[in-house]
Amino acid sequence: MPTHKEPLPLTDRDIIFQKYFIALAPNYHHLTSNTTYLVAQKALTLAPPPTDPTALIHDNASGPGTASLALIEHYKSRNAPVPKIIATDYTPAMISALPSHPQISASVADSQSLPFPDNHFAYSITNISLANFNDPKLALREINRTLKPGGIAVVTHWKDFGLGTLLHKALEKYHGAKQPDPPVAGKEMDLGTEGVIQGMMVEAGWDGPRVETRVVEVRSQEVEGAVEFLTGPFLPVVGKFQTEEEKGKWRDSVEGVLEEVGEVRCEGWVVVGRK
């Protein structure tokens, strides 16, 4: 295999996702109520990263460094040195939003065509990103290819996307009637169904007995960010509210739901493959 692979051409779907993530990048953690960070923390507990300070870790499809921050906190809490973390994402705005840290090296890269040689990383984490790829199976093959024998790959995805659930409840409050489920990335690929990602990883090169799936639950009381996300310019549904009266009623619906539930609750799949 070549030691450097060119990124694949952007598709129309990629361009839509790029615009979405460019808008989210500056305040991603706040707008998601820190839920993706909490999933990464739980994943690192289930599949601890290497203790060898010379190990190389890949934060794949890193966004603004969510998993990288969780990794740094993981090592800090154990008073252990942080190995080198290579963070990559295909949205330049996300890479620009990464925190500065001496052990983080960040660059723009396509997860479906990674610019790294075979058997390169000791540990790889792809946190709540698989649904963003046009071809998740191709991305998983790239993770497998660039992972060292004996290395660990962690892939997380929503089982119950809390912000999506809140959006659905707010729509029903706004309209006063049952509403269809809002679209969620990955639903068309069935990624939220138990065993689907595990099966994809086996197809991508992992031995079945060396792949396991666990469920984690995260709860966040940082609801202010959820209100901003659900009422801001990030969702197509918000664009349908044109008048100030409609916008005000929508915000009241969102705030009413969050006042009722008091938190953002999510469930996530943590799929761990050992090469």
Protein backbone atom coordinates (compact mmCIF):
# COMPACT_ATOMS: atom_id res chain seq x y z
CA MET A 1 0.00 0.00 0.00
CA PRO A 2 1.22 3.56 -0.66
CA THR A 3 2.47 5.62 2.26
CA HIS A 4 0.42 8.60 1.10
CA LYS A 5 -3.09 8.48 -0.30
CA GLU A 6 -4.85 11.38 -1.98
CA PRO A 7 -8.22 12.51 -0.56
CA LEU A 8 -11.29 11.47 -2.49
CA PRO A 9 -13.19 14.18 -4.45
CA LEU A 10 -15.89 15.91 -2.41
CA THR A 11 -19.41 14.72 -3.19
CA ASP A 12 -22.56 16.88 -2.94
CA ARG A 13 -23.20 15.20 0.43
CA ASP A 14 -19.69 16.13 1.57
CA ILE A 15 -20.26 19.77 0.64
CA ILE A 16 -23.50 19.91 2.65
CA PHE A 17 -21.75 18.33 5.65
CA GLN A 18 -18.79 20.71 5.28
CA LYS A 19 -21.11 23.75 5.49
CA TYR A 20 -22.82 22.28 8.54
CA PHE A 21 -19.57 21.57 10.38
CA ILE A 22 -18.06 24.93 9.44
CA ALA A 23 -21.01 26.54 11.24
CA LEU A 24 -20.61 24.26 14.27
CA ALA A 25 -16.82 24.33 14.55
CA PRO A 26 -16.24 27.47 16.67
CA ASN A 27 -18.64 26.37 19.45
CA TYR A 28 -19.03 22.65 18.79
CA HIS A 29 -18.67 21.39 22.36
CA HIS A 30 -21.04 24.01 23.76
CA LEU A 31 -23.68 23.45 21.07
CA THR A 32 -23.63 19.67 21.57
CA SER A 33 -23.88 20.09 25.35
CA ASN A 34 -20.52 18.32 25.53
CA THR A 35 -22.23 14.98 24.83
CA THR A 36 -19.71 13.74 22.24
CA TYR A 37 -16.89 14.48 24.70
CA LEU A 38 -18.69 12.48 27.40
CA VAL A 39 -19.07 9.53 25.01
CA ALA A 40 -15.34 9.67 24.24
CA GLN A 41 -14.57 9.63 27.97
CA LYS A 42 -16.72 6.54 28.49
CA ALA A 43 -15.13 4.85 25.47
CA LEU A 44 -11.62 5.42 26.84
CA THR A 45 -12.69 3.78 30.10
CA LEU A 46 -13.97 0.71 28.24
CA ALA A 47 -10.95 0.52 25.93
CA PRO A 48 -8.02 2.26 27.64
CA PRO A 49 -5.39 3.82 25.37
CA PRO A 50 -1.78 2.62 25.53
CA THR A 51 0.40 3.41 28.52
CA ASP A 52 3.53 3.46 26.37
CA PRO A 53 4.50 7.15 26.00
CA THR A 54 6.09 6.39 22.61
CA ALA A 55 2.82 5.01 21.18
CA LEU A 56 1.14 6.87 18.33
CA ILE A 57 -2.60 7.60 18.66
CA HIS A 58 -4.99 8.62 15.88
CA ASP A 59 -7.96 10.87 16.62
CA ASN A 60 -9.75 10.10 13.36
CA ALA A 61 -12.38 12.53 12.03
CA SER A 62 -11.46 14.54 15.09
CA GLY A 63 -13.78 17.51 14.77
CA PRO A 64 -12.40 20.20 17.09
CA GLY A 65 -10.34 17.61 18.97
CA THR A 66 -13.10 16.12 21.11
CA ALA A 67 -11.45 12.73 21.58
CA SER A 68 -8.00 14.36 21.81
CA LEU A 69 -9.20 16.41 24.80
CA ALA A 70 -10.66 13.28 26.39
CA LEU A 71 -7.36 11.46 25.82
CA ILE A 72 -5.36 14.27 27.44
CA GLU A 73 -7.69 14.27 30.45
CA HIS A 74 -7.45 10.46 30.64
CA TYR A 75 -3.65 10.57 30.93
CA LYS A 76 -3.68 13.65 33.19
CA SER A 77 -6.05 11.97 35.66
CA ARG A 78 -3.61 9.05 35.87
CA ASN A 79 -0.55 11.28 36.16
CA ALA A 80 0.81 9.63 33.01
CA PRO A 81 2.65 11.14 30.04
CA VAL A 82 0.53 11.85 26.98
CA PRO A 83 1.67 9.99 23.85
CA LYS A 84 1.69 11.71 20.47
CA ILE A 85 -1.85 12.27 19.14
CA ILE A 86 -2.41 12.76 15.41
CA ALA A 87 -5.77 14.47 14.87
CA THR A 88 -7.26 14.53 11.37
CA ASP A 89 -10.54 15.85 9.96
CA TYR A 90 -11.75 16.64 6.46
CA THR A 91 -13.23 20.04 7.50
CA PRO A 92 -10.48 22.68 7.76
CA ALA A 93 -12.61 24.77 10.16
CA MET A 94 -12.64 21.88 12.61
CA ILE A 95 -8.87 21.54 12.46
CA SER A 96 -8.57 25.30 13.05
CA ALA A 97 -10.73 24.91 16.17
CA LEU A 98 -8.47 22.28 17.74
CA PRO A 99 -6.80 23.31 21.00
CA SER A 100 -3.07 23.87 21.00
CA HIS A 101 -1.17 21.16 22.85
CA PRO A 102 2.43 20.00 22.44
CA GLN A 103 1.33 16.38 21.97
CA ILE A 104 -1.39 17.08 19.38
CA SER A 105 -0.51 17.31 15.71
CA ALA A 106 -3.51 18.26 13.55
CA SER A 107 -4.07 18.21 9.80
CA VAL A 108 -6.82 18.02 7.19
CA ALA A 109 -7.26 14.47 5.90
CA ASP A 110 -9.93 12.24 4.39
CA SER A 111 -10.79 9.31 6.67
CA GLN A 112 -11.68 7.25 3.59
CA SER A 113 -8.18 7.76 2.17
CA LEU A 114 -5.78 8.31 5.06
CA PRO A 115 -2.32 9.72 4.29
CA PHE A 116 -0.53 7.27 6.60
CA PRO A 117 1.39 4.03 5.99
CA ASP A 118 0.20 0.57 6.97
CA ASN A 119 0.58 -0.51 10.61
CA HIS A 120 1.17 3.05 11.82
CA PHE A 121 -0.98 3.65 14.93
CA ALA A 122 -1.17 1.78 18.23
CA TYR A 123 -4.61 3.19 18.99
CA SER A 124 -7.33 4.79 16.87
CA ILE A 125 -10.56 6.45 17.96
CA THR A 126 -13.34 7.56 15.62
CA ASN A 127 -15.82 9.31 17.87
CA ILE A 128 -19.39 9.97 16.59
CA SER A 129 -18.18 10.45 13.02
CA LEU A 130 -18.89 7.25 11.09
CA ALA A 131 -22.23 8.55 9.78
CA ASN A 132 -20.47 11.52 8.17
CA PHE A 133 -18.56 9.32 5.71
CA ASN A 134 -19.98 8.53 2.29
CA ASP A 135 -18.57 5.01 2.63
CA PRO A 136 -18.20 3.92 6.27
CA LYS A 137 -16.86 0.52 5.23
CA LEU A 138 -14.06 2.19 3.26
CA ALA A 139 -13.20 4.36 6.27
CA LEU A 140 -13.12 1.29 8.52
CA ARG A 141 -10.78 -0.47 6.10
CA GLU A 142 -8.48 2.56 6.31
CA ILE A 143 -8.56 2.41 10.10
CA ASN A 144 -7.67 -1.27 9.97
CA ARG A 145 -4.91 -0.71 7.41
CA THR A 146 -3.22 2.03 9.44
CA LEU A 147 -3.54 0.20 12.78
CA LYS A 148 -0.60 -1.85 14.04
CA PRO A 149 -1.05 -5.57 14.77
CA GLY A 150 -2.19 -5.75 18.37
CA GLY A 151 -3.54 -2.20 18.15
CA ILE A 152 -6.97 -1.08 19.29
CA ALA A 153 -9.60 0.74 17.23
CA VAL A 154 -12.55 2.41 18.95
CA VAL A 155 -15.60 3.51 16.95
CA THR A 156 -18.55 5.23 18.64
CA HIS A 157 -21.98 6.10 17.29
CA TRP A 158 -25.30 7.22 18.70
CA LYS A 159 -27.79 4.59 19.80
CA ASP A 160 -30.10 7.36 21.01
CA PHE A 161 -29.09 10.83 19.82
CA GLY A 162 -30.28 13.04 22.66
CA LEU A 163 -30.41 16.28 20.67
CA GLY A 164 -32.44 14.50 17.98
CA THR A 165 -34.87 13.27 20.64
CA LEU A 166 -35.23 16.80 22.02
CA LEU A 167 -35.79 18.16 18.51
CA HIS A 168 -38.60 15.64 17.99
CA LYS A 169 -40.27 16.55 21.31
CA ALA A 170 -39.98 20.29 20.57
CA LEU A 171 -41.55 19.82 17.13
CA GLU A 172 -44.49 18.00 18.69
CA LYS A 173 -44.87 20.74 21.32
CA TYR A 174 -44.71 23.43 18.61
CA HIS A 175 -47.27 21.74 16.33
CA GLY A 176 -49.40 20.25 19.10
CA ALA A 177 -49.49 16.92 17.29
CA LYS A 178 -47.43 13.84 16.57
CA GLN A 179 -44.56 14.45 14.16
CA PRO A 180 -42.37 12.11 12.08
CA ASP A 181 -38.88 11.46 13.40
CA PRO A 182 -36.43 14.11 12.15
CA PRO A 183 -33.65 12.79 9.90
CA VAL A 184 -30.46 11.76 11.71
CA ALA A 185 -27.14 11.13 9.98
CA GLY A 186 -26.43 7.43 9.73
CA LYS A 187 -30.06 6.32 9.99
CA GLU A 188 -30.15 5.53 6.28
CA MET A 189 -27.16 3.21 6.84
CA ASP A 190 -28.73 1.64 9.94
CA LEU A 191 -25.68 2.54 12.00
CA GLY A 192 -27.70 2.96 15.20
CA THR A 193 -28.82 -0.69 15.16
CA GLU A 194 -26.96 -3.12 17.40
CA GLY A 195 -24.36 -5.18 15.59
CA VAL A 196 -24.27 -3.17 12.35
CA ILE A 197 -20.97 -1.38 13.02
CA GLN A 198 -19.48 -4.55 14.48
CA GLY A 199 -20.40 -6.39 11.28
CA MET A 200 -18.87 -3.61 9.17
CA MET A 201 -15.63 -3.88 11.13
CA VAL A 202 -15.46 -7.62 10.48
CA GLU A 203 -15.98 -6.92 6.76
CA ALA A 204 -13.19 -4.34 6.99
CA GLY A 205 -10.66 -6.89 8.23
CA TRP A 206 -11.10 -7.53 11.94
CA ASP A 207 -11.61 -11.06 13.27
CA GLY A 208 -15.16 -11.39 14.62
CA PRO A 209 -14.16 -12.62 18.11
CA ARG A 210 -11.85 -9.59 18.44
CA VAL A 211 -14.67 -7.05 18.04
CA GLU A 212 -17.08 -6.21 20.84
CA THR A 213 -19.93 -3.75 21.28
CA ARG A 214 -20.97 -1.97 24.47
CA VAL A 215 -23.60 0.65 25.29
CA VAL A 216 -22.82 3.80 27.27
CA GLU A 217 -25.17 6.43 28.66
CA VAL A 218 -24.23 10.08 29.06
CA ARG A 219 -26.17 12.89 30.69
CA SER A 220 -25.41 16.59 30.43
CA GLN A 221 -26.99 19.45 32.34
CA GLU A 222 -25.41 21.96 29.94
CA VAL A 223 -28.76 22.71 28.33
CA GLU A 224 -27.96 26.27 27.23
CA GLY A 225 -25.91 24.96 24.34
CA ALA A 226 -28.73 22.62 23.33
CA VAL A 227 -31.13 25.57 23.18
CA GLU A 228 -28.72 27.46 20.92
CA PHE A 229 -28.24 24.43 18.69
CA LEU A 230 -31.95 23.72 18.34
CA THR A 231 -32.94 27.35 17.71
CA GLY A 232 -29.90 28.51 15.70
CA PRO A 233 -29.08 28.35 12.00
CA PHE A 234 -27.79 24.77 12.18
CA LEU A 235 -30.95 22.81 11.42
CA PRO A 236 -33.13 22.96 8.29
CA VAL A 237 -36.26 22.94 10.44
CA VAL A 238 -35.31 26.30 11.98
CA GLY A 239 -35.25 27.90 8.54
CA LYS A 240 -38.94 27.13 8.16
CA PHE A 241 -39.82 29.61 10.91
CA GLN A 242 -39.85 32.91 9.03
CA THR A 243 -41.76 35.37 11.20
CA GLU A 244 -40.65 36.63 14.60
CA GLU A 245 -43.79 35.09 16.08
CA GLU A 246 -42.90 31.68 14.67
CA LYS A 247 -39.32 31.97 15.87
CA GLY A 248 -40.46 33.00 19.34
CA LYS A 249 -42.95 30.12 19.55
CA TRP A 250 -40.25 27.68 18.44
CA ARG A 251 -37.79 28.91 21.06
CA ASP A 252 -40.51 28.64 23.72
CA SER A 253 -41.15 25.05 22.60
CA VAL A 254 -37.45 24.14 22.82
CA GLU A 255 -36.99 25.80 26.21
CA GLY A 256 -40.20 24.19 27.48
CA VAL A 257 -39.00 20.69 26.56
CA LEU A 258 -35.58 21.25 28.12
CA GLU A 259 -37.19 22.62 31.27
CA GLU A 260 -39.29 19.44 31.47
CA VAL A 261 -36.40 17.00 30.97
CA GLY A 262 -33.71 19.08 32.69
CA GLU A 263 -30.83 17.49 30.81
CA VAL A 264 -29.55 16.12 27.53
CA ARG A 265 -29.49 12.34 27.74
CA CYS A 266 -27.84 10.17 25.08
CA GLU A 267 -26.93 6.54 24.56
CA GLY A 268 -24.02 5.53 22.41
CA TRP A 269 -22.51 2.38 20.94
CA VAL A 270 -18.85 1.80 21.69
CA VAL A 271 -17.40 -0.75 19.27
CA VAL A 272 -13.87 -1.93 19.99
CA GLY A 273 -11.76 -3.91 17.54
CA ARG A 274 -8.40 -5.45 18.41
CA LYS A 275 -6.22 -6.12 15.38
